[in-house]
Amino acid sequence: MLGVKAYNSFGMSEMCGPGVAFECPEQNGMHIWEDYYIVEIVNPDTLEPVPDGEVGELVLTTLKREAMPLLRYRTRDLTRILPGECPCGRHHLRLDRMKGRSDDMIILKGVNIFPIQIETILMQFQELASDYLITLETVDDNDAMTVDVEMKDLFIDDYAKLQALTREITRQLRDEILITPRVRLVPKNTLPKSEGKAVRVVDTRKKY
């Protein structure tokens, strides 16, 4: 609407704020300022480096910070180095967009799931509001997932439409996370609210 081209940027307060990596006009990944940072992508469990193109945890080391240098700082952000060179001609390594956080990972039935995967799917439905809650529980000795998500101001009172919407959300979530969750659509302001960072996952599973 404004005729403005938007570009993606990655930064952290611990690393002087925005500007750790930035998209070029090609928008083919975010170029890392390698004259200021050493960038590593590691397996979050073993801390061993992973090959370019493989997703892992982003680790940063500052090169020119004097007051507060950081060595091999674990960001907990999951991303990957995009292999190959960018068509723009720059040779700095490129980061892919963030896939999630290593400390947010859910393991359900042997599958690694990140809340951002679920959020990305939910955001595609214009009928849904922004608040949702993922509940993990034990049902008949099996792990189960329920996704409660608030509707927007106008709650659909047509049962058939609600059922169709629920089925489509469930299908897209299953395709993305390889697990079939139970999806419940609830009126706006139904889910509990908390100060600060929103609680997105509640795990009540039995610990064996």
N, C-alpha and C. Protein backbone atom coordinates (compact mmCIF):
# COMPACT_ATOMS: atom_id res chain seq x y z
N MET A 1 0.82 -1.20 0.00
CA MET A 1 0.00 0.00 0.00
C MET A 1 0.86 1.26 0.00
N LEU A 2 1.98 1.20 0.75
CA LEU A 2 2.86 2.36 0.85
C LEU A 2 3.92 2.39 -0.25
N GLY A 3 4.00 1.32 -1.02
CA GLY A 3 5.03 1.27 -2.06
C GLY A 3 6.43 1.12 -1.50
N VAL A 4 6.54 0.51 -0.32
CA VAL A 4 7.83 0.33 0.35
C VAL A 4 8.21 -1.14 0.33
N LYS A 5 9.45 -1.44 -0.03
CA LYS A 5 9.94 -2.82 -0.01
C LYS A 5 10.48 -3.14 1.37
N ALA A 6 10.00 -4.22 1.96
CA ALA A 6 10.45 -4.61 3.31
C ALA A 6 11.55 -5.66 3.21
N TYR A 7 12.55 -5.55 4.09
CA TYR A 7 13.66 -6.49 4.13
C TYR A 7 13.78 -7.09 5.52
N ASN A 8 14.16 -8.35 5.56
CA ASN A 8 14.29 -9.05 6.84
C ASN A 8 15.66 -8.79 7.45
N SER A 9 15.68 -8.62 8.76
CA SER A 9 16.93 -8.37 9.48
C SER A 9 16.97 -9.26 10.71
N PHE A 10 18.18 -9.65 11.12
CA PHE A 10 18.33 -10.42 12.34
C PHE A 10 19.32 -9.71 13.25
N GLY A 11 18.94 -9.59 14.52
CA GLY A 11 19.84 -8.99 15.49
C GLY A 11 19.46 -9.42 16.89
N MET A 12 20.34 -9.13 17.85
CA MET A 12 20.09 -9.46 19.25
C MET A 12 20.65 -8.34 20.12
N SER A 13 19.99 -8.09 21.23
CA SER A 13 20.49 -7.06 22.16
C SER A 13 21.90 -7.38 22.62
N GLU A 14 22.17 -8.68 22.82
CA GLU A 14 23.50 -9.09 23.28
C GLU A 14 24.58 -8.82 22.24
N MET A 15 24.16 -8.63 21.00
CA MET A 15 25.11 -8.44 19.89
C MET A 15 25.01 -7.04 19.30
N CYS A 16 24.67 -6.06 20.12
CA CYS A 16 24.56 -4.66 19.67
C CYS A 16 23.26 -4.39 18.94
N GLY A 17 22.26 -5.24 19.10
CA GLY A 17 20.97 -4.96 18.49
C GLY A 17 20.88 -5.43 17.06
N PRO A 18 20.02 -4.78 16.23
CA PRO A 18 19.83 -5.23 14.85
C PRO A 18 21.09 -5.04 14.03
N GLY A 19 21.23 -5.87 13.01
CA GLY A 19 22.37 -5.70 12.12
C GLY A 19 23.35 -6.85 12.12
N VAL A 20 23.03 -7.95 12.81
CA VAL A 20 23.91 -9.12 12.75
C VAL A 20 23.88 -9.70 11.33
N ALA A 21 22.68 -9.71 10.75
CA ALA A 21 22.53 -10.21 9.39
C ALA A 21 21.37 -9.47 8.74
N PHE A 22 21.49 -9.26 7.42
CA PHE A 22 20.48 -8.45 6.73
C PHE A 22 20.33 -8.93 5.30
N GLU A 23 19.09 -8.83 4.80
CA GLU A 23 18.84 -9.22 3.42
C GLU A 23 19.39 -8.19 2.44
N CYS A 24 19.86 -8.67 1.30
CA CYS A 24 20.25 -7.81 0.20
C CYS A 24 19.05 -7.68 -0.76
N PRO A 25 19.17 -6.92 -1.84
CA PRO A 25 18.03 -6.79 -2.77
C PRO A 25 17.54 -8.12 -3.35
N GLU A 26 18.39 -9.15 -3.37
CA GLU A 26 17.96 -10.45 -3.87
C GLU A 26 17.01 -11.15 -2.91
N GLN A 27 17.06 -10.78 -1.63
CA GLN A 27 16.24 -11.41 -0.58
C GLN A 27 16.36 -12.93 -0.63
N ASN A 28 17.60 -13.36 -0.70
CA ASN A 28 17.92 -14.79 -0.81
C ASN A 28 18.74 -15.20 0.41
N GLY A 29 18.18 -14.95 1.60
CA GLY A 29 18.91 -15.19 2.83
C GLY A 29 19.48 -13.89 3.38
N MET A 30 19.89 -13.91 4.65
CA MET A 30 20.41 -12.71 5.31
C MET A 30 21.94 -12.78 5.40
N HIS A 31 22.62 -11.84 4.79
CA HIS A 31 24.07 -11.80 4.82
C HIS A 31 24.57 -11.45 6.23
N ILE A 32 25.51 -12.25 6.72
CA ILE A 32 26.09 -12.03 8.05
C ILE A 32 27.28 -11.08 7.93
N TRP A 33 27.38 -10.14 8.85
CA TRP A 33 28.54 -9.23 8.84
C TRP A 33 29.73 -9.98 9.45
N GLU A 34 30.41 -10.75 8.60
CA GLU A 34 31.49 -11.61 9.08
C GLU A 34 32.74 -10.84 9.50
N ASP A 35 32.79 -9.55 9.19
CA ASP A 35 33.91 -8.75 9.70
C ASP A 35 33.70 -8.38 11.17
N TYR A 36 32.53 -8.69 11.70
CA TYR A 36 32.22 -8.34 13.08
C TYR A 36 31.87 -9.55 13.93
N TYR A 37 31.44 -10.64 13.28
CA TYR A 37 31.01 -11.84 14.01
C TYR A 37 31.59 -13.10 13.39
N ILE A 38 31.94 -14.05 14.23
CA ILE A 38 32.19 -15.43 13.79
C ILE A 38 30.89 -16.20 14.01
N VAL A 39 30.43 -16.85 12.97
CA VAL A 39 29.14 -17.53 13.02
C VAL A 39 29.35 -19.04 12.93
N GLU A 40 28.66 -19.78 13.81
CA GLU A 40 28.68 -21.24 13.77
C GLU A 40 27.25 -21.75 13.86
N ILE A 41 26.99 -22.88 13.22
CA ILE A 41 25.73 -23.59 13.37
C ILE A 41 26.08 -24.96 13.95
N VAL A 42 25.53 -25.26 15.13
CA VAL A 42 25.92 -26.48 15.84
C VAL A 42 24.69 -27.31 16.18
N ASN A 43 24.93 -28.59 16.41
CA ASN A 43 23.89 -29.45 16.94
C ASN A 43 23.61 -29.01 18.38
N PRO A 44 22.37 -28.65 18.75
CA PRO A 44 22.12 -28.12 20.09
C PRO A 44 22.34 -29.13 21.21
N ASP A 45 22.40 -30.42 20.88
CA ASP A 45 22.62 -31.43 21.91
C ASP A 45 24.10 -31.75 22.10
N THR A 46 24.81 -31.90 20.98
CA THR A 46 26.22 -32.27 21.06
C THR A 46 27.17 -31.09 20.95
N LEU A 47 26.67 -29.95 20.46
CA LEU A 47 27.46 -28.74 20.20
C LEU A 47 28.50 -28.94 19.10
N GLU A 48 28.37 -30.03 18.35
CA GLU A 48 29.25 -30.26 17.20
C GLU A 48 28.75 -29.47 16.00
N PRO A 49 29.66 -28.93 15.17
CA PRO A 49 29.23 -28.19 13.97
C PRO A 49 28.43 -29.08 13.02
N VAL A 50 27.48 -28.47 12.33
CA VAL A 50 26.70 -29.19 11.32
C VAL A 50 27.07 -28.62 9.95
N PRO A 51 26.91 -29.40 8.88
CA PRO A 51 27.26 -28.92 7.54
C PRO A 51 26.36 -27.77 7.10
N ASP A 52 26.88 -26.95 6.19
CA ASP A 52 26.06 -25.89 5.60
C ASP A 52 24.81 -26.50 4.99
N GLY A 53 23.69 -25.86 5.21
CA GLY A 53 22.43 -26.36 4.69
C GLY A 53 21.63 -27.14 5.70
N GLU A 54 22.28 -27.57 6.81
CA GLU A 54 21.59 -28.34 7.85
C GLU A 54 21.21 -27.41 9.00
N VAL A 55 19.99 -27.59 9.51
CA VAL A 55 19.49 -26.73 10.58
C VAL A 55 20.15 -27.09 11.91
N GLY A 56 20.54 -26.07 12.66
CA GLY A 56 21.12 -26.25 13.97
C GLY A 56 21.00 -24.96 14.75
N GLU A 57 21.67 -24.89 15.90
CA GLU A 57 21.60 -23.70 16.74
C GLU A 57 22.67 -22.69 16.33
N LEU A 58 22.27 -21.45 16.26
CA LEU A 58 23.18 -20.37 15.88
C LEU A 58 24.04 -19.97 17.07
N VAL A 59 25.37 -19.98 16.86
CA VAL A 59 26.34 -19.59 17.89
C VAL A 59 27.16 -18.43 17.33
N LEU A 60 27.33 -17.36 18.13
CA LEU A 60 28.01 -16.16 17.66
C LEU A 60 29.18 -15.79 18.57
N THR A 61 30.23 -15.30 17.94
CA THR A 61 31.38 -14.75 18.66
C THR A 61 31.64 -13.35 18.13
N THR A 62 31.77 -12.36 19.03
CA THR A 62 32.07 -11.00 18.60
C THR A 62 33.57 -10.85 18.34
N LEU A 63 33.91 -10.03 17.36
CA LEU A 63 35.31 -9.82 17.00
C LEU A 63 35.84 -8.47 17.45
N LYS A 64 34.96 -7.47 17.57
CA LYS A 64 35.45 -6.11 17.84
C LYS A 64 34.87 -5.50 19.10
N ARG A 65 34.09 -6.26 19.85
CA ARG A 65 33.56 -5.74 21.11
C ARG A 65 34.68 -5.69 22.14
N GLU A 66 34.82 -4.59 22.86
CA GLU A 66 35.86 -4.45 23.87
C GLU A 66 35.29 -4.50 25.29
N ALA A 67 34.18 -3.82 25.53
CA ALA A 67 33.64 -3.77 26.89
C ALA A 67 33.01 -5.09 27.30
N MET A 68 32.33 -5.75 26.36
CA MET A 68 31.67 -7.00 26.70
C MET A 68 31.77 -7.99 25.54
N PRO A 69 32.95 -8.53 25.29
CA PRO A 69 33.08 -9.52 24.22
C PRO A 69 32.34 -10.80 24.59
N LEU A 70 31.78 -11.45 23.60
CA LEU A 70 31.07 -12.71 23.80
C LEU A 70 31.72 -13.79 22.94
N LEU A 71 32.06 -14.90 23.57
CA LEU A 71 32.72 -16.01 22.88
C LEU A 71 31.79 -17.20 22.80
N ARG A 72 31.50 -17.63 21.58
CA ARG A 72 30.64 -18.79 21.32
C ARG A 72 29.32 -18.68 22.11
N TYR A 73 28.64 -17.58 21.91
CA TYR A 73 27.38 -17.30 22.60
C TYR A 73 26.26 -18.10 21.96
N ARG A 74 25.61 -18.95 22.74
CA ARG A 74 24.50 -19.77 22.24
C ARG A 74 23.22 -18.92 22.20
N THR A 75 22.72 -18.68 21.00
CA THR A 75 21.53 -17.85 20.84
C THR A 75 20.24 -18.61 21.10
N ARG A 76 20.28 -19.94 21.00
CA ARG A 76 19.10 -20.82 21.08
C ARG A 76 18.22 -20.71 19.84
N ASP A 77 18.59 -19.87 18.88
CA ASP A 77 17.83 -19.76 17.64
C ASP A 77 18.25 -20.85 16.67
N LEU A 78 17.28 -21.44 16.01
CA LEU A 78 17.55 -22.51 15.04
C LEU A 78 17.45 -21.96 13.63
N THR A 79 18.50 -22.18 12.87
CA THR A 79 18.55 -21.72 11.49
C THR A 79 19.59 -22.55 10.74
N ARG A 80 19.99 -22.10 9.57
CA ARG A 80 21.02 -22.81 8.81
C ARG A 80 21.78 -21.82 7.95
N ILE A 81 22.99 -22.21 7.57
CA ILE A 81 23.76 -21.45 6.58
C ILE A 81 23.30 -21.90 5.20
N LEU A 82 22.91 -20.95 4.38
CA LEU A 82 22.49 -21.29 3.02
C LEU A 82 23.73 -21.58 2.18
N PRO A 83 23.82 -22.75 1.59
CA PRO A 83 25.01 -23.09 0.79
C PRO A 83 25.03 -22.31 -0.53
N GLY A 84 26.22 -22.18 -1.08
CA GLY A 84 26.37 -21.49 -2.36
C GLY A 84 26.52 -20.00 -2.19
N GLU A 85 26.62 -19.29 -3.32
CA GLU A 85 26.81 -17.84 -3.30
C GLU A 85 25.52 -17.14 -3.69
N CYS A 86 25.38 -15.91 -3.21
CA CYS A 86 24.20 -15.10 -3.51
C CYS A 86 24.35 -14.44 -4.88
N PRO A 87 23.29 -14.35 -5.66
CA PRO A 87 23.36 -13.68 -6.96
C PRO A 87 23.78 -12.22 -6.88
N CYS A 88 23.70 -11.60 -5.68
CA CYS A 88 24.07 -10.19 -5.57
C CYS A 88 25.58 -10.00 -5.67
N GLY A 89 26.36 -11.07 -5.50
CA GLY A 89 27.81 -10.97 -5.61
C GLY A 89 28.53 -10.86 -4.28
N ARG A 90 27.80 -10.62 -3.20
CA ARG A 90 28.46 -10.57 -1.89
C ARG A 90 28.90 -11.97 -1.48
N HIS A 91 30.02 -12.05 -0.78
CA HIS A 91 30.57 -13.35 -0.38
C HIS A 91 30.34 -13.68 1.08
N HIS A 92 29.73 -12.78 1.84
CA HIS A 92 29.43 -13.09 3.23
C HIS A 92 28.42 -14.23 3.30
N LEU A 93 28.59 -15.10 4.31
CA LEU A 93 27.66 -16.20 4.50
C LEU A 93 26.24 -15.67 4.70
N ARG A 94 25.27 -16.52 4.34
CA ARG A 94 23.87 -16.12 4.45
C ARG A 94 23.13 -17.04 5.43
N LEU A 95 22.38 -16.42 6.32
CA LEU A 95 21.51 -17.15 7.25
C LEU A 95 20.13 -17.29 6.64
N ASP A 96 19.54 -18.46 6.83
CA ASP A 96 18.13 -18.64 6.50
C ASP A 96 17.29 -17.97 7.59
N ARG A 97 16.01 -17.81 7.35
CA ARG A 97 15.13 -17.28 8.38
C ARG A 97 15.08 -18.25 9.56
N MET A 98 14.77 -17.73 10.75
CA MET A 98 14.78 -18.55 11.95
C MET A 98 13.66 -19.59 11.91
N LYS A 99 14.01 -20.82 12.28
CA LYS A 99 13.05 -21.93 12.25
C LYS A 99 12.36 -22.14 13.60
N GLY A 100 12.91 -21.56 14.65
CA GLY A 100 12.38 -21.77 15.99
C GLY A 100 13.52 -21.64 16.99
N ARG A 101 13.30 -22.13 18.21
CA ARG A 101 14.30 -22.06 19.26
C ARG A 101 14.54 -23.44 19.83
N SER A 102 15.80 -23.72 20.13
CA SER A 102 16.14 -25.05 20.65
C SER A 102 15.52 -25.30 22.00
N ASP A 103 15.28 -24.24 22.80
CA ASP A 103 14.69 -24.44 24.12
C ASP A 103 13.17 -24.46 24.09
N ASP A 104 12.56 -24.31 22.91
CA ASP A 104 11.10 -24.39 22.77
C ASP A 104 10.66 -25.73 22.19
N MET A 105 11.60 -26.59 21.86
CA MET A 105 11.25 -27.80 21.13
C MET A 105 10.39 -28.74 21.96
N ILE A 106 9.37 -29.28 21.31
CA ILE A 106 8.49 -30.29 21.91
C ILE A 106 8.82 -31.63 21.25
N ILE A 107 8.95 -32.67 22.06
CA ILE A 107 9.11 -34.02 21.52
C ILE A 107 7.83 -34.78 21.81
N LEU A 108 7.11 -35.14 20.77
CA LEU A 108 5.83 -35.84 20.91
C LEU A 108 5.83 -37.05 19.98
N LYS A 109 5.71 -38.21 20.57
CA LYS A 109 5.71 -39.47 19.81
C LYS A 109 6.94 -39.59 18.93
N GLY A 110 8.07 -39.13 19.46
CA GLY A 110 9.34 -39.23 18.74
C GLY A 110 9.55 -38.17 17.68
N VAL A 111 8.62 -37.22 17.55
CA VAL A 111 8.72 -36.17 16.54
C VAL A 111 9.10 -34.85 17.21
N ASN A 112 10.08 -34.14 16.65
CA ASN A 112 10.49 -32.83 17.15
C ASN A 112 9.56 -31.77 16.56
N ILE A 113 8.91 -31.01 17.42
CA ILE A 113 7.95 -30.00 16.99
C ILE A 113 8.30 -28.68 17.66
N PHE A 114 8.18 -27.58 16.90
CA PHE A 114 8.42 -26.25 17.44
C PHE A 114 7.11 -25.45 17.40
N PRO A 115 6.78 -24.75 18.48
CA PRO A 115 5.54 -23.97 18.49
C PRO A 115 5.40 -23.03 17.31
N ILE A 116 6.51 -22.49 16.80
CA ILE A 116 6.42 -21.56 15.68
C ILE A 116 5.86 -22.24 14.44
N GLN A 117 6.06 -23.56 14.31
CA GLN A 117 5.46 -24.27 13.18
C GLN A 117 3.94 -24.22 13.26
N ILE A 118 3.42 -24.40 14.46
CA ILE A 118 1.97 -24.37 14.65
C ILE A 118 1.45 -22.95 14.47
N GLU A 119 2.18 -21.97 15.03
CA GLU A 119 1.76 -20.58 14.91
C GLU A 119 1.70 -20.14 13.45
N THR A 120 2.68 -20.55 12.66
CA THR A 120 2.71 -20.16 11.24
C THR A 120 1.48 -20.65 10.51
N ILE A 121 1.05 -21.87 10.81
CA ILE A 121 -0.16 -22.40 10.18
C ILE A 121 -1.38 -21.61 10.64
N LEU A 122 -1.51 -21.38 11.94
CA LEU A 122 -2.69 -20.68 12.46
C LEU A 122 -2.82 -19.27 11.91
N MET A 123 -1.69 -18.61 11.70
CA MET A 123 -1.72 -17.23 11.20
C MET A 123 -2.27 -17.12 9.79
N GLN A 124 -2.34 -18.22 9.08
CA GLN A 124 -2.83 -18.19 7.70
C GLN A 124 -4.36 -18.12 7.62
N PHE A 125 -5.04 -18.33 8.74
CA PHE A 125 -6.50 -18.34 8.74
C PHE A 125 -7.03 -17.01 9.27
N GLN A 126 -7.71 -16.27 8.42
CA GLN A 126 -8.18 -14.94 8.79
C GLN A 126 -9.26 -14.98 9.86
N GLU A 127 -9.89 -16.14 10.06
CA GLU A 127 -10.92 -16.26 11.09
C GLU A 127 -10.35 -16.32 12.50
N LEU A 128 -9.03 -16.59 12.62
CA LEU A 128 -8.41 -16.82 13.91
C LEU A 128 -7.73 -15.58 14.47
N ALA A 129 -7.78 -15.44 15.80
CA ALA A 129 -7.04 -14.38 16.47
C ALA A 129 -5.62 -14.86 16.75
N SER A 130 -4.86 -14.08 17.51
CA SER A 130 -3.44 -14.40 17.68
C SER A 130 -3.15 -15.30 18.88
N ASP A 131 -4.10 -15.47 19.78
CA ASP A 131 -3.84 -16.25 21.00
C ASP A 131 -4.18 -17.73 20.79
N TYR A 132 -3.26 -18.57 21.21
CA TYR A 132 -3.47 -20.01 21.13
C TYR A 132 -2.74 -20.68 22.29
N LEU A 133 -3.10 -21.93 22.56
CA LEU A 133 -2.47 -22.68 23.65
C LEU A 133 -2.32 -24.13 23.20
N ILE A 134 -1.10 -24.65 23.35
CA ILE A 134 -0.81 -26.05 23.03
C ILE A 134 -0.74 -26.82 24.34
N THR A 135 -1.59 -27.82 24.49
CA THR A 135 -1.61 -28.64 25.69
C THR A 135 -1.16 -30.05 25.35
N LEU A 136 -0.15 -30.52 26.07
CA LEU A 136 0.34 -31.89 25.91
C LEU A 136 -0.12 -32.70 27.12
N GLU A 137 -0.71 -33.85 26.88
CA GLU A 137 -1.24 -34.65 27.98
C GLU A 137 -1.13 -36.13 27.65
N THR A 138 -1.33 -36.94 28.66
CA THR A 138 -1.31 -38.39 28.50
C THR A 138 -2.75 -38.90 28.47
N VAL A 139 -3.12 -39.56 27.37
CA VAL A 139 -4.46 -40.12 27.21
C VAL A 139 -4.31 -41.61 26.92
N ASP A 140 -4.81 -42.43 27.83
CA ASP A 140 -4.70 -43.89 27.66
C ASP A 140 -3.25 -44.32 27.43
N ASP A 141 -2.35 -43.74 28.24
CA ASP A 141 -0.92 -44.06 28.19
C ASP A 141 -0.25 -43.63 26.88
N ASN A 142 -0.91 -42.78 26.12
CA ASN A 142 -0.31 -42.25 24.89
C ASN A 142 -0.23 -40.72 24.98
N ASP A 143 0.82 -40.15 24.37
CA ASP A 143 0.94 -38.70 24.31
C ASP A 143 -0.10 -38.13 23.34
N ALA A 144 -0.70 -37.00 23.71
CA ALA A 144 -1.69 -36.35 22.87
C ALA A 144 -1.47 -34.84 22.90
N MET A 145 -1.85 -34.17 21.82
CA MET A 145 -1.72 -32.72 21.72
C MET A 145 -3.08 -32.11 21.41
N THR A 146 -3.41 -31.06 22.16
CA THR A 146 -4.61 -30.26 21.87
C THR A 146 -4.18 -28.83 21.60
N VAL A 147 -4.69 -28.26 20.52
CA VAL A 147 -4.41 -26.87 20.17
C VAL A 147 -5.71 -26.08 20.32
N ASP A 148 -5.78 -25.23 21.34
CA ASP A 148 -6.91 -24.31 21.51
C ASP A 148 -6.52 -22.98 20.88
N VAL A 149 -7.38 -22.45 20.04
CA VAL A 149 -7.07 -21.18 19.38
C VAL A 149 -8.31 -20.29 19.38
N GLU A 150 -8.10 -19.02 19.70
CA GLU A 150 -9.22 -18.08 19.77
C GLU A 150 -9.63 -17.61 18.39
N MET A 151 -10.93 -17.43 18.24
CA MET A 151 -11.47 -16.84 17.02
C MET A 151 -11.35 -15.31 17.13
N LYS A 152 -11.59 -14.62 16.01
CA LYS A 152 -11.62 -13.17 16.04
C LYS A 152 -12.94 -12.69 16.65
N ASP A 153 -13.21 -11.41 16.56
CA ASP A 153 -14.37 -10.82 17.24
C ASP A 153 -15.67 -11.54 16.89
N LEU A 154 -15.85 -11.86 15.61
CA LEU A 154 -17.09 -12.49 15.19
C LEU A 154 -16.92 -14.00 15.22
N PHE A 155 -17.44 -14.61 16.25
CA PHE A 155 -17.35 -16.06 16.39
C PHE A 155 -18.38 -16.71 15.46
N ILE A 156 -17.96 -17.68 14.68
CA ILE A 156 -18.85 -18.34 13.73
C ILE A 156 -19.84 -19.22 14.51
N ASP A 157 -21.15 -18.95 14.32
CA ASP A 157 -22.15 -19.75 15.02
C ASP A 157 -22.75 -20.83 14.13
N ASP A 158 -22.23 -20.95 12.91
CA ASP A 158 -22.67 -22.00 12.00
C ASP A 158 -21.85 -23.26 12.28
N TYR A 159 -22.49 -24.28 12.82
CA TYR A 159 -21.77 -25.49 13.23
C TYR A 159 -21.03 -26.14 12.07
N ALA A 160 -21.67 -26.20 10.90
CA ALA A 160 -21.05 -26.83 9.73
C ALA A 160 -19.78 -26.08 9.32
N LYS A 161 -19.81 -24.75 9.36
CA LYS A 161 -18.64 -23.96 9.00
C LYS A 161 -17.52 -24.14 10.02
N LEU A 162 -17.90 -24.20 11.30
CA LEU A 162 -16.90 -24.42 12.35
C LEU A 162 -16.22 -25.77 12.17
N GLN A 163 -17.00 -26.80 11.86
CA GLN A 163 -16.45 -28.12 11.65
C GLN A 163 -15.50 -28.15 10.46
N ALA A 164 -15.91 -27.49 9.37
CA ALA A 164 -15.07 -27.46 8.17
C ALA A 164 -13.76 -26.72 8.44
N LEU A 165 -13.84 -25.59 9.16
CA LEU A 165 -12.65 -24.82 9.50
C LEU A 165 -11.73 -25.64 10.40
N THR A 166 -12.29 -26.31 11.38
CA THR A 166 -11.50 -27.14 12.29
C THR A 166 -10.79 -28.25 11.54
N ARG A 167 -11.50 -28.90 10.61
CA ARG A 167 -10.88 -29.98 9.82
C ARG A 167 -9.73 -29.46 8.97
N GLU A 168 -9.90 -28.28 8.37
CA GLU A 168 -8.84 -27.75 7.51
C GLU A 168 -7.62 -27.35 8.33
N ILE A 169 -7.82 -26.75 9.50
CA ILE A 169 -6.69 -26.40 10.37
C ILE A 169 -5.97 -27.67 10.81
N THR A 170 -6.74 -28.69 11.18
CA THR A 170 -6.15 -29.96 11.61
C THR A 170 -5.33 -30.59 10.49
N ARG A 171 -5.87 -30.54 9.29
CA ARG A 171 -5.15 -31.14 8.14
C ARG A 171 -3.82 -30.43 7.90
N GLN A 172 -3.84 -29.10 7.91
CA GLN A 172 -2.61 -28.36 7.65
C GLN A 172 -1.59 -28.56 8.77
N LEU A 173 -2.06 -28.64 10.01
CA LEU A 173 -1.13 -28.90 11.11
C LEU A 173 -0.53 -30.29 10.99
N ARG A 174 -1.34 -31.27 10.64
CA ARG A 174 -0.82 -32.64 10.47
C ARG A 174 0.23 -32.69 9.37
N ASP A 175 -0.01 -32.00 8.27
CA ASP A 175 0.96 -31.99 7.17
C ASP A 175 2.27 -31.34 7.58
N GLU A 176 2.19 -30.36 8.50
CA GLU A 176 3.39 -29.62 8.91
C GLU A 176 4.16 -30.34 10.00
N ILE A 177 3.48 -30.87 11.03
CA ILE A 177 4.19 -31.41 12.19
C ILE A 177 4.17 -32.94 12.25
N LEU A 178 3.45 -33.57 11.30
CA LEU A 178 3.40 -35.04 11.17
C LEU A 178 2.69 -35.71 12.35
N ILE A 179 1.99 -34.92 13.14
CA ILE A 179 1.18 -35.42 14.25
C ILE A 179 -0.22 -34.82 14.08
N THR A 180 -1.25 -35.62 14.35
CA THR A 180 -2.61 -35.10 14.24
C THR A 180 -3.07 -34.58 15.61
N PRO A 181 -3.15 -33.27 15.78
CA PRO A 181 -3.58 -32.73 17.06
C PRO A 181 -5.11 -32.63 17.14
N ARG A 182 -5.61 -32.46 18.33
CA ARG A 182 -7.02 -32.11 18.50
C ARG A 182 -7.09 -30.59 18.46
N VAL A 183 -7.92 -30.03 17.59
CA VAL A 183 -8.04 -28.58 17.44
C VAL A 183 -9.39 -28.13 17.99
N ARG A 184 -9.35 -27.13 18.86
CA ARG A 184 -10.57 -26.57 19.42
C ARG A 184 -10.59 -25.06 19.17
N LEU A 185 -11.66 -24.57 18.55
CA LEU A 185 -11.84 -23.15 18.29
C LEU A 185 -12.67 -22.56 19.42
N VAL A 186 -12.16 -21.51 20.06
CA VAL A 186 -12.84 -20.94 21.22
C VAL A 186 -13.06 -19.45 20.99
N PRO A 187 -14.05 -18.86 21.67
CA PRO A 187 -14.30 -17.41 21.51
C PRO A 187 -13.11 -16.58 21.97
N LYS A 188 -13.05 -15.36 21.47
CA LYS A 188 -11.98 -14.44 21.84
C LYS A 188 -11.98 -14.18 23.34
N ASN A 189 -10.78 -14.01 23.90
CA ASN A 189 -10.56 -13.74 25.33
C ASN A 189 -10.97 -14.91 26.23
N THR A 190 -11.01 -16.11 25.65
CA THR A 190 -11.33 -17.30 26.44
C THR A 190 -10.09 -17.89 27.09
N LEU A 191 -8.97 -17.88 26.38
CA LEU A 191 -7.75 -18.49 26.89
C LEU A 191 -7.14 -17.62 28.00
N PRO A 192 -6.48 -18.25 28.97
CA PRO A 192 -5.88 -17.48 30.08
C PRO A 192 -4.78 -16.56 29.58
N LYS A 193 -4.71 -15.39 30.18
CA LYS A 193 -3.70 -14.40 29.83
C LYS A 193 -2.69 -14.30 30.96
N SER A 194 -1.45 -13.96 30.60
CA SER A 194 -0.40 -13.80 31.61
C SER A 194 0.44 -12.58 31.26
N GLU A 195 1.03 -11.96 32.28
CA GLU A 195 1.90 -10.82 32.05
C GLU A 195 3.22 -11.28 31.46
N GLY A 196 3.81 -10.43 30.65
CA GLY A 196 5.09 -10.77 30.04
C GLY A 196 4.90 -11.70 28.85
N LYS A 197 5.84 -12.62 28.67
CA LYS A 197 5.81 -13.53 27.54
C LYS A 197 4.63 -14.49 27.65
N ALA A 198 3.86 -14.61 26.56
CA ALA A 198 2.68 -15.46 26.56
C ALA A 198 3.07 -16.92 26.75
N VAL A 199 2.28 -17.65 27.54
CA VAL A 199 2.48 -19.08 27.72
C VAL A 199 1.80 -19.79 26.56
N ARG A 200 2.58 -20.49 25.74
CA ARG A 200 2.04 -21.14 24.56
C ARG A 200 1.93 -22.65 24.72
N VAL A 201 2.70 -23.23 25.64
CA VAL A 201 2.72 -24.68 25.79
C VAL A 201 2.54 -25.06 27.25
N VAL A 202 1.61 -25.96 27.50
CA VAL A 202 1.40 -26.53 28.84
C VAL A 202 1.57 -28.04 28.71
N ASP A 203 2.52 -28.60 29.46
CA ASP A 203 2.83 -30.03 29.37
C ASP A 203 2.40 -30.72 30.66
N THR A 204 1.34 -31.50 30.58
CA THR A 204 0.84 -32.21 31.76
C THR A 204 1.05 -33.72 31.63
N ARG A 205 1.91 -34.14 30.73
CA ARG A 205 2.12 -35.57 30.49
C ARG A 205 2.71 -36.26 31.71
N LYS A 206 2.37 -37.53 31.87
CA LYS A 206 2.93 -38.34 32.94
C LYS A 206 4.43 -38.53 32.71
N LYS A 207 5.20 -38.47 33.75
CA LYS A 207 6.64 -38.69 33.67
C LYS A 207 6.93 -40.11 34.13
N TYR A 208 7.38 -40.94 33.22
CA TYR A 208 7.63 -42.35 33.56
C TYR A 208 9.08 -42.53 34.00
